[in-house]
Amino acid sequence: MSVDQHTPGGPDPDATPTGLKKVVGASMAGTIVEWYEFFLYGTAATLVFSKVFFAAGTSELDAILAAFVTYAVGFFARPLGGIVFGHFGDKHGRKKLLQFSLVLVGGATFLMGCLPTFNQIGYWAPALLVALRFIQGFAVGGEWGGAVLLVAEHSPNKSRGFWASWPQAGVPAGNLLATVVLLVLTATLSDEAFLSWGWRVAFWLSAVIVFVGYYIRTKVTDAPIFLEAQKQAEVIKAASYGVFEVLKRYPRGVFTAMGLRFGENVMYYLVVTFTITYLKVEVGTDTQTILWWMLVAHAVHFAVIPLVGKLADRIGRRPVYMFGAITAGTWGFFAYPMFNSGHNAVIMAAIIIGLVCHAFMYATQPAIMAEMFPTRMRYSGVSLGYQVTSIVAGSLAPIIAVWLLNRYSSAVPIAWYLAGACAITVVAVFAARETKGLALETIDLADAKNLATEAELLNAGLK
């Protein structure tokens, strides 16, 4: 059911606010920076870290598996970051927390480029890598909710899906940037030079782009609806923030968001991370060719996401999300045979199809999740639903895929694993409410009425 309510005689909620494009640019700038760094690690886990930070195992897949375990540490840190940043972001504003997260992830990534190797300091190398990965994941955990909400809360009701999808497009843009940097380095350096010092340059470059992203984010402010919610929270002392409050009052929203996230998250990391491993180890493709395929696929992904966001405004959040979940669930059954074909165009097509299927879920997430919670706890709600799922979805997806490939010497079990993950998301789509055109003020009004009713009952001694 679509809802579109606003105060008669007030400002038009469907008019594009002045400065919205600047807000979108600021959100995207930081998102590109943070996901450049986060996904740089994912690519390096296969190409570099398994060789320089870990002892040689019995097979190449053993070392890669060890690298992916440290990769998963970042995902375990993300819910903690989401909870902490969500609490303070709901209390003090989205902008301040977004600036802090940018500096934190940039510092951790730069230091990764300075780490000694396993041959130099032994097991201290992977230990330090894990510590920095945890900090990186903690910062990224706080980034997503703030970035998408900064845009969603500034956006008109009827086009929130389109505008809020742009920070999502920053993710493939960051991945694209990381791929370009690695492609240039691997093309200009010998394998020995790249493994010795060349890979470090990609991590050191994060310092430059952090400064750019931080500067852009100083030029925006929090949305009027958030500033109004802050004023109301000062008046209504019963209002509170944080993970316990949002779980107490909006459990359906949190668990629905988790289900929506599950299949999408598994899908993404199978396509962009495990695919690199599969093509390199099983198909025998060289690194530069894989990176070129990824480059094209990320560019297509970037272009498709805003188009899907616009479609979600037109026909609704649920049908668009459902289409993405169902098509993603079938991807593994035809993608791995396409990879095994050995034909460049066929392999690249499989990667692109995977990311297009993913876009139908990913582009719709900011709007549908933002429309589940009131402003005073929206940062906590979306961060909790989005980031906690990463522990059992994206963090484990490459590890499970590598284990299945090692165990069965076949990609068919991986395809079934993906199908099962997407089935969970299909159930969540059925459970979700259609919120196309919903005014965020409507949610805040209902929340305020509930708080007022509770306060009256307390005063009357009935609760």
Protein backbone atom coordinates (compact mmCIF):
# COMPACT_ATOMS: atom_id res chain seq x y z
CA MET A 1 0.00 0.00 0.00
CA SER A 2 1.48 3.32 -1.03
CA VAL A 3 1.24 6.24 1.40
CA ASP A 4 1.76 9.92 0.61
CA GLN A 5 0.79 12.25 3.42
CA HIS A 6 1.93 15.76 4.21
CA THR A 7 0.65 18.82 5.99
CA PRO A 8 -1.88 20.80 3.88
CA GLY A 9 -0.60 24.23 3.02
CA GLY A 10 2.96 23.30 3.94
CA PRO A 11 5.95 22.98 1.63
CA ASP A 12 5.60 20.56 -1.25
CA PRO A 13 7.26 17.31 -0.13
CA ASP A 14 7.73 16.25 -3.74
CA ALA A 15 9.71 19.32 -4.81
CA THR A 16 13.47 18.75 -5.16
CA PRO A 17 15.11 20.67 -2.27
CA THR A 18 17.81 23.23 -2.99
CA GLY A 19 21.24 21.72 -2.45
CA LEU A 20 20.11 18.10 -2.73
CA LYS A 21 22.68 17.39 -5.42
CA LYS A 22 25.40 18.73 -3.13
CA VAL A 23 24.20 16.38 -0.38
CA VAL A 24 24.26 13.46 -2.83
CA GLY A 25 27.78 14.42 -3.89
CA ALA A 26 28.99 14.63 -0.30
CA SER A 27 27.51 11.24 0.58
CA MET A 28 28.94 9.63 -2.54
CA ALA A 29 32.39 11.18 -2.05
CA GLY A 30 32.84 9.53 1.31
CA THR A 31 31.22 6.29 0.22
CA ILE A 32 33.55 6.00 -2.77
CA VAL A 33 36.57 6.58 -0.52
CA GLU A 34 35.54 4.10 2.15
CA TRP A 35 34.54 1.35 -0.26
CA TYR A 36 37.65 1.89 -2.36
CA GLU A 37 39.58 0.97 0.76
CA PHE A 38 37.28 -1.82 1.89
CA PHE A 39 37.19 -3.58 -1.46
CA LEU A 40 40.86 -2.97 -2.10
CA TYR A 41 41.40 -5.33 0.80
CA GLY A 42 39.05 -7.91 -0.75
CA THR A 43 40.92 -7.93 -4.05
CA ALA A 44 44.32 -7.90 -2.33
CA ALA A 45 43.26 -10.87 -0.17
CA THR A 46 43.38 -13.07 -3.27
CA LEU A 47 46.18 -11.39 -5.21
CA VAL A 48 48.60 -10.33 -2.46
CA PHE A 49 47.82 -11.04 1.19
CA SER A 50 47.66 -14.81 0.81
CA LYS A 51 51.28 -14.62 -0.40
CA VAL A 52 52.90 -11.96 1.83
CA PHE A 53 51.11 -12.13 5.20
CA PHE A 54 50.54 -15.85 5.70
CA ALA A 55 52.65 -18.98 5.86
CA ALA A 56 52.46 -21.20 2.79
CA GLY A 57 49.78 -23.88 3.13
CA THR A 58 49.33 -27.22 1.44
CA SER A 59 47.65 -25.52 -1.54
CA GLU A 60 47.01 -22.08 -2.98
CA LEU A 61 43.39 -22.28 -1.82
CA ASP A 62 44.57 -22.84 1.79
CA ALA A 63 46.45 -19.54 1.83
CA ILE A 64 43.56 -17.73 0.16
CA LEU A 65 41.19 -19.20 2.73
CA ALA A 66 43.39 -17.82 5.53
CA ALA A 67 43.34 -14.39 3.88
CA PHE A 68 39.56 -14.51 3.59
CA VAL A 69 39.28 -15.26 7.31
CA THR A 70 40.97 -11.92 8.05
CA TYR A 71 38.68 -10.42 5.40
CA ALA A 72 35.73 -11.63 7.48
CA VAL A 73 37.03 -9.79 10.56
CA GLY A 74 35.98 -6.50 8.96
CA PHE A 75 32.43 -7.79 8.67
CA PHE A 76 32.33 -8.80 12.33
CA ALA A 77 33.41 -5.26 13.24
CA ARG A 78 30.76 -3.62 11.05
CA PRO A 79 27.74 -4.28 13.33
CA LEU A 80 29.65 -2.80 16.27
CA GLY A 81 30.42 0.25 14.15
CA GLY A 82 26.81 0.43 13.04
CA ILE A 83 25.55 0.31 16.64
CA VAL A 84 28.00 2.91 17.96
CA PHE A 85 27.72 5.27 15.01
CA GLY A 86 23.96 4.74 14.87
CA HIS A 87 23.54 5.72 18.53
CA PHE A 88 25.61 8.89 18.30
CA GLY A 89 24.41 9.67 14.78
CA ASP A 90 20.79 9.66 15.96
CA LYS A 91 21.76 11.87 18.88
CA HIS A 92 24.27 14.32 17.38
CA GLY A 93 23.71 14.19 13.63
CA ARG A 94 24.72 12.26 10.53
CA LYS A 95 27.37 14.71 9.26
CA LYS A 96 29.74 14.62 12.26
CA LEU A 97 29.81 10.84 12.41
CA LEU A 98 30.36 10.55 8.65
CA GLN A 99 33.44 12.77 8.85
CA PHE A 100 34.89 10.71 11.70
CA SER A 101 34.28 7.40 9.93
CA LEU A 102 36.11 8.69 6.87
CA VAL A 103 39.24 9.60 8.83
CA LEU A 104 39.18 6.29 10.73
CA VAL A 105 38.96 4.03 7.70
CA GLY A 106 41.54 6.11 5.82
CA GLY A 107 44.08 5.85 8.61
CA ALA A 108 43.63 2.08 8.94
CA THR A 109 44.01 1.54 5.20
CA PHE A 110 47.14 3.70 4.97
CA LEU A 111 48.75 1.74 7.80
CA MET A 112 47.97 -1.55 6.01
CA GLY A 113 50.29 -0.36 3.25
CA CYS A 114 53.06 0.06 5.84
CA LEU A 115 52.86 -3.42 7.40
CA PRO A 116 55.91 -5.72 7.38
CA THR A 117 55.43 -9.12 5.74
CA PHE A 118 55.25 -12.60 7.29
CA ASN A 119 58.87 -13.24 6.32
CA GLN A 120 59.93 -10.14 8.23
CA ILE A 121 58.01 -10.40 11.52
CA GLY A 122 56.27 -13.76 11.38
CA TYR A 123 52.79 -14.09 12.88
CA TRP A 124 52.79 -10.47 13.98
CA ALA A 125 52.09 -9.62 10.33
CA PRO A 126 48.66 -11.27 10.11
CA ALA A 127 47.90 -10.15 13.70
CA LEU A 128 48.47 -6.49 12.83
CA LEU A 129 46.55 -6.94 9.59
CA VAL A 130 43.58 -8.31 11.55
CA ALA A 131 43.68 -5.36 13.98
CA LEU A 132 43.65 -2.81 11.17
CA ARG A 133 40.98 -4.76 9.34
CA PHE A 134 38.81 -4.57 12.47
CA ILE A 135 39.20 -0.77 12.63
CA GLN A 136 38.43 -0.53 8.93
CA GLY A 137 35.28 -2.62 9.32
CA PHE A 138 34.18 -0.63 12.38
CA ALA A 139 34.37 2.62 10.40
CA VAL A 140 32.61 1.22 7.33
CA GLY A 141 29.89 -0.13 9.62
CA GLY A 142 29.05 3.41 10.62
CA GLU A 143 29.42 4.88 7.15
CA TRP A 144 26.56 3.27 5.26
CA GLY A 145 23.66 4.29 7.49
CA GLY A 146 24.80 7.88 7.75
CA ALA A 147 25.51 8.28 4.05
CA VAL A 148 22.20 6.93 2.79
CA LEU A 149 20.15 8.69 5.48
CA LEU A 150 21.78 12.04 4.80
CA VAL A 151 20.34 11.75 1.28
CA ALA A 152 17.07 9.95 2.12
CA GLU A 153 16.11 12.55 4.71
CA HIS A 154 16.75 15.39 2.27
CA SER A 155 14.86 13.68 -0.59
CA PRO A 156 11.31 14.32 -1.85
CA ASN A 157 8.78 11.62 -1.00
CA LYS A 158 8.06 10.54 -4.58
CA SER A 159 11.69 10.34 -5.69
CA ARG A 160 13.42 9.10 -2.53
CA GLY A 161 14.25 5.76 -4.16
CA PHE A 162 16.17 7.50 -6.96
CA TRP A 163 18.09 10.01 -4.87
CA ALA A 164 18.90 7.60 -2.03
CA SER A 165 20.25 5.05 -4.52
CA TRP A 166 23.15 7.32 -5.45
CA PRO A 167 25.22 6.58 -2.31
CA GLN A 168 24.76 2.90 -3.23
CA ALA A 169 26.27 3.70 -6.63
CA GLY A 170 29.28 4.98 -4.71
CA VAL A 171 30.08 1.39 -3.75
CA PRO A 172 30.77 0.13 -7.31
CA ALA A 173 32.45 3.49 -7.97
CA GLY A 174 34.85 2.84 -5.09
CA ASN A 175 35.37 -0.70 -6.29
CA LEU A 176 35.94 0.63 -9.80
CA LEU A 177 38.58 3.03 -8.50
CA ALA A 178 40.33 0.25 -6.58
CA THR A 179 40.28 -1.94 -9.68
CA VAL A 180 41.75 0.83 -11.84
CA VAL A 181 44.60 1.44 -9.38
CA LEU A 182 45.41 -2.29 -9.16
CA LEU A 183 45.15 -2.64 -12.92
CA VAL A 184 47.63 0.18 -13.51
CA LEU A 185 50.04 -1.23 -10.93
CA THR A 186 49.90 -4.80 -12.23
CA ALA A 187 50.27 -3.59 -15.83
CA THR A 188 53.30 -1.41 -15.15
CA LEU A 189 55.14 -3.57 -12.63
CA SER A 190 56.54 -7.08 -12.76
CA ASP A 191 54.89 -9.70 -10.55
CA GLU A 192 57.89 -9.57 -8.22
CA ALA A 193 57.79 -5.78 -7.90
CA PHE A 194 54.01 -5.74 -7.36
CA LEU A 195 54.19 -8.33 -4.57
CA SER A 196 57.25 -6.65 -3.05
CA TRP A 197 56.09 -3.03 -2.86
CA GLY A 198 53.70 -2.10 -5.66
CA TRP A 199 50.53 -3.21 -3.88
CA ARG A 200 51.37 -0.82 -1.02
CA VAL A 201 50.95 2.19 -3.31
CA ALA A 202 47.24 1.41 -3.73
CA PHE A 203 46.80 1.55 0.05
CA TRP A 204 48.86 4.71 0.48
CA LEU A 205 46.75 6.51 -2.12
CA SER A 206 43.83 6.32 0.30
CA ALA A 207 45.31 9.27 2.22
CA VAL A 208 44.86 11.54 -0.79
CA ILE A 209 41.26 10.63 -1.51
CA VAL A 210 40.33 10.78 2.20
CA PHE A 211 41.29 14.46 2.27
CA VAL A 212 39.12 15.11 -0.79
CA GLY A 213 36.12 13.26 0.64
CA TYR A 214 36.44 14.91 4.05
CA TYR A 215 36.53 18.39 2.52
CA ILE A 216 33.40 17.75 0.45
CA ARG A 217 31.52 16.51 3.52
CA THR A 218 32.22 19.74 5.40
CA LYS A 219 29.98 21.57 2.92
CA VAL A 220 26.65 19.93 3.85
CA THR A 221 24.28 19.98 6.82
CA ASP A 222 21.85 17.52 8.39
CA ALA A 223 18.32 17.41 6.97
CA PRO A 224 15.56 19.65 8.40
CA ILE A 225 13.55 16.59 9.47
CA PHE A 226 16.48 15.42 11.61
CA LEU A 227 16.96 18.86 13.18
CA GLU A 228 13.25 18.94 14.01
CA ALA A 229 13.47 15.44 15.53
CA GLN A 230 16.33 16.66 17.75
CA LYS A 231 14.15 19.51 19.04
CA GLN A 232 11.26 17.15 19.73
CA ALA A 233 13.56 14.74 21.58
CA GLU A 234 14.54 17.56 23.93
CA VAL A 235 10.87 18.25 24.63
CA ILE A 236 9.76 14.61 24.96
CA LYS A 237 12.15 13.21 27.53
CA ALA A 238 10.75 9.71 27.02
CA ALA A 239 12.42 9.57 23.63
CA SER A 240 15.67 7.62 23.59
CA TYR A 241 18.19 6.24 21.11
CA GLY A 242 20.18 3.17 20.31
CA VAL A 243 19.97 -0.49 19.53
CA PHE A 244 17.83 -1.56 22.50
CA GLU A 245 15.26 1.14 21.83
CA VAL A 246 14.90 0.27 18.16
CA LEU A 247 14.69 -3.48 18.91
CA LYS A 248 12.06 -2.80 21.54
CA ARG A 249 9.85 -0.61 19.38
CA TYR A 250 10.53 -1.71 15.80
CA PRO A 251 11.61 -5.37 15.85
CA ARG A 252 9.71 -6.12 12.63
CA GLY A 253 11.63 -3.41 10.79
CA VAL A 254 15.01 -4.63 12.06
CA PHE A 255 14.44 -8.31 11.22
CA THR A 256 12.83 -7.53 7.86
CA ALA A 257 15.84 -5.38 7.00
CA MET A 258 18.14 -8.28 7.95
CA GLY A 259 16.25 -10.63 5.66
CA LEU A 260 16.32 -8.15 2.79
CA ARG A 261 20.05 -7.79 3.24
CA PHE A 262 20.92 -11.50 3.46
CA GLY A 263 20.67 -12.70 -0.15
CA GLU A 264 21.94 -9.39 -1.55
CA ASN A 265 25.05 -9.47 0.64
CA VAL A 266 25.91 -13.09 -0.17
CA MET A 267 25.34 -12.42 -3.87
CA TYR A 268 27.62 -9.40 -3.97
CA TYR A 269 30.64 -11.01 -2.34
CA LEU A 270 30.34 -14.13 -4.44
CA VAL A 271 30.37 -11.98 -7.57
CA VAL A 272 33.06 -9.42 -6.73
CA THR A 273 35.35 -11.37 -4.40
CA PHE A 274 35.01 -15.13 -4.85
CA THR A 275 34.77 -14.77 -8.64
CA ILE A 276 38.36 -13.46 -8.67
CA THR A 277 39.49 -16.57 -6.79
CA TYR A 278 37.48 -18.93 -9.01
CA LEU A 279 38.74 -17.43 -12.26
CA LYS A 280 42.34 -17.33 -11.10
CA VAL A 281 42.58 -20.75 -9.44
CA GLU A 282 40.03 -22.88 -11.31
CA VAL A 283 39.92 -21.29 -14.76
CA GLY A 284 43.56 -20.18 -14.79
CA THR A 285 42.90 -16.61 -15.92
CA ASP A 286 45.67 -14.03 -15.44
CA THR A 287 45.22 -11.17 -12.97
CA GLN A 288 45.08 -8.32 -15.50
CA THR A 289 42.34 -9.97 -17.55
CA ILE A 290 40.21 -10.54 -14.44
CA LEU A 291 40.66 -6.92 -13.36
CA TRP A 292 39.58 -5.70 -16.82
CA TRP A 293 36.41 -7.78 -16.60
CA MET A 294 35.73 -6.42 -13.13
CA LEU A 295 36.35 -2.89 -14.34
CA VAL A 296 33.63 -3.16 -16.99
CA ALA A 297 31.22 -4.91 -14.61
CA HIS A 298 31.62 -2.25 -11.91
CA ALA A 299 31.00 0.50 -14.46
CA VAL A 300 27.76 -1.19 -15.55
CA HIS A 301 26.75 -1.68 -11.92
CA PHE A 302 27.33 2.02 -11.22
CA ALA A 303 25.15 3.04 -14.17
CA VAL A 304 22.30 0.63 -13.39
CA ILE A 305 21.79 1.43 -9.69
CA PRO A 306 20.18 4.92 -10.11
CA LEU A 307 17.95 3.57 -12.89
CA VAL A 308 16.68 0.86 -10.57
CA GLY A 309 16.17 3.46 -7.84
CA LYS A 310 13.95 5.42 -10.22
CA LEU A 311 12.05 2.24 -11.08
CA ALA A 312 11.40 1.62 -7.37
CA ASP A 313 9.79 5.07 -7.19
CA ARG A 314 7.58 4.25 -10.14
CA ILE A 315 6.33 0.71 -9.46
CA GLY A 316 7.20 0.21 -5.80
CA ARG A 317 9.98 -1.10 -3.58
CA ARG A 318 8.71 -4.66 -3.16
CA PRO A 319 8.29 -5.76 -6.82
CA VAL A 320 11.72 -4.39 -7.74
CA TYR A 321 13.37 -6.08 -4.77
CA MET A 322 11.56 -9.36 -5.44
CA PHE A 323 12.78 -9.41 -9.04
CA GLY A 324 16.36 -8.94 -7.85
CA ALA A 325 16.12 -11.69 -5.23
CA ILE A 326 14.66 -14.26 -7.62
CA THR A 327 17.09 -13.58 -10.48
CA ALA A 328 20.06 -13.52 -8.11
CA GLY A 329 19.03 -16.93 -6.79
CA THR A 330 19.41 -18.43 -10.27
CA TRP A 331 22.75 -16.76 -11.10
CA GLY A 332 25.08 -19.45 -9.80
CA PHE A 333 23.52 -22.20 -11.92
CA PHE A 334 24.44 -20.53 -15.20
CA ALA A 335 27.32 -18.23 -14.19
CA TYR A 336 29.89 -20.89 -13.27
CA PRO A 337 29.37 -22.85 -16.52
CA MET A 338 29.84 -19.50 -18.30
CA PHE A 339 33.10 -18.98 -16.39
CA ASN A 340 34.26 -22.46 -17.38
CA SER A 341 33.58 -21.75 -21.06
CA GLY A 342 36.91 -19.97 -21.42
CA HIS A 343 35.40 -17.31 -23.71
CA ASN A 344 36.23 -13.78 -22.56
CA ALA A 345 32.93 -12.20 -23.62
CA VAL A 346 30.90 -14.99 -21.99
CA ILE A 347 32.83 -14.73 -18.72
CA MET A 348 32.47 -10.96 -18.58
CA ALA A 349 28.76 -11.25 -19.37
CA ALA A 350 28.29 -13.59 -16.40
CA ILE A 351 29.89 -11.06 -14.04
CA ILE A 352 27.82 -8.19 -15.44
CA ILE A 353 24.57 -10.16 -15.19
CA GLY A 354 25.37 -10.95 -11.57
CA LEU A 355 25.86 -7.29 -10.66
CA VAL A 356 22.73 -6.20 -12.56
CA CYS A 357 20.67 -8.75 -10.60
CA HIS A 358 22.28 -7.45 -7.44
CA ALA A 359 21.42 -3.84 -8.33
CA PHE A 360 17.68 -4.58 -8.20
CA MET A 361 18.09 -5.31 -4.50
CA TYR A 362 20.88 -2.94 -3.60
CA ALA A 363 19.48 0.22 -5.21
CA THR A 364 16.18 -0.20 -3.38
CA GLN A 365 17.65 -0.77 0.09
CA PRO A 366 18.16 2.85 1.30
CA ALA A 367 14.58 3.91 0.61
CA ILE A 368 12.80 0.81 1.88
CA MET A 369 14.94 0.61 5.04
CA ALA A 370 14.77 4.35 5.81
CA GLU A 371 11.00 4.16 5.53
CA MET A 372 10.82 1.50 8.26
CA PHE A 373 11.96 3.70 11.18
CA PRO A 374 11.26 7.14 12.71
CA THR A 375 13.94 9.81 12.43
CA ARG A 376 15.03 9.66 16.08
CA MET A 377 16.22 6.06 15.72
CA ARG A 378 16.56 5.66 11.97
CA TYR A 379 20.39 5.56 11.93
CA SER A 380 20.38 2.80 14.57
CA GLY A 381 17.61 0.86 12.86
CA VAL A 382 19.03 0.77 9.36
CA SER A 383 22.61 0.21 10.58
CA LEU A 384 21.57 -2.70 12.79
CA GLY A 385 19.50 -4.40 10.10
CA TYR A 386 22.14 -3.82 7.45
CA GLN A 387 25.38 -4.51 9.30
CA VAL A 388 24.54 -7.42 11.62
CA THR A 389 23.55 -9.48 8.61
CA SER A 390 27.03 -9.01 7.17
CA ILE A 391 28.43 -11.35 9.85
CA VAL A 392 26.56 -14.39 8.55
CA ALA A 393 26.21 -13.28 4.93
CA GLY A 394 28.97 -11.33 3.17
CA SER A 395 31.76 -12.17 5.61
CA LEU A 396 31.24 -15.91 5.28
CA ALA A 397 30.27 -16.06 1.60
CA PRO A 398 33.82 -16.23 0.15
CA ILE A 399 34.93 -18.59 2.92
CA ILE A 400 31.99 -20.94 2.40
CA ALA A 401 32.43 -20.80 -1.38
CA VAL A 402 36.15 -21.65 -1.15
CA TRP A 403 35.41 -24.48 1.27
CA LEU A 404 32.66 -25.90 -0.98
CA LEU A 405 34.93 -25.71 -4.00
CA ASN A 406 37.74 -27.43 -2.11
CA ARG A 407 35.41 -30.10 -0.73
CA TYR A 408 33.37 -30.97 -3.83
CA SER A 409 35.58 -29.74 -6.71
CA SER A 410 32.40 -28.31 -8.21
CA ALA A 411 30.60 -24.96 -8.28
CA VAL A 412 27.12 -26.54 -8.10
CA PRO A 413 27.02 -26.54 -4.26
CA ILE A 414 27.95 -22.84 -4.38
CA ALA A 415 25.00 -22.18 -6.68
CA TRP A 416 22.66 -23.92 -4.24
CA TYR A 417 24.16 -21.94 -1.35
CA LEU A 418 23.38 -18.68 -3.17
CA ALA A 419 19.86 -19.87 -4.04
CA GLY A 420 19.17 -20.63 -0.38
CA ALA A 421 20.40 -17.19 0.70
CA CYS A 422 18.16 -15.49 -1.85
CA ALA A 423 15.17 -17.59 -0.70
CA ILE A 424 15.52 -15.97 2.73
CA THR A 425 15.38 -12.55 1.07
CA VAL A 426 12.27 -13.52 -0.91
CA VAL A 427 10.53 -14.30 2.40
CA ALA A 428 11.62 -10.93 3.78
CA VAL A 429 10.18 -9.13 0.74
CA PHE A 430 6.82 -10.78 1.42
CA ALA A 431 7.06 -9.58 5.03
CA ALA A 432 7.97 -6.00 4.09
CA ARG A 433 5.38 -3.26 3.72
CA GLU A 434 5.18 -1.26 0.49
CA THR A 435 6.35 2.27 1.34
CA LYS A 436 6.54 3.96 -2.05
CA GLY A 437 5.81 7.69 -1.64
CA LEU A 438 5.71 7.50 2.15
CA ALA A 439 6.30 10.81 3.98
CA LEU A 440 8.92 10.36 6.70
CA GLU A 441 6.97 12.87 8.79
CA THR A 442 4.11 10.34 8.91
CA ILE A 443 6.37 7.81 10.63
CA ASP A 444 7.61 10.43 13.08
CA LEU A 445 4.04 11.49 13.89
CA ALA A 446 2.96 7.92 14.63
CA ASP A 447 6.06 7.41 16.79
CA ALA A 448 5.36 10.64 18.72
CA LYS A 449 1.76 9.57 19.34
CA ASN A 450 2.95 6.24 20.73
CA LEU A 451 5.39 8.00 23.05
CA ALA A 452 2.69 10.42 24.21
CA THR A 453 0.28 7.56 24.90
CA GLU A 454 2.91 5.72 26.94
CA ALA A 455 3.65 8.88 28.91
CA GLU A 456 -0.06 9.34 29.70
CA LEU A 457 -0.34 5.75 30.88
CA LEU A 458 2.70 6.16 33.10
CA ASN A 459 1.32 9.35 34.60
CA ALA A 460 -2.00 7.65 35.21
CA GLY A 461 -0.25 4.76 36.93
CA LEU A 462 -1.60 2.25 34.41
CA LYS A 463 1.73 1.05 33.06
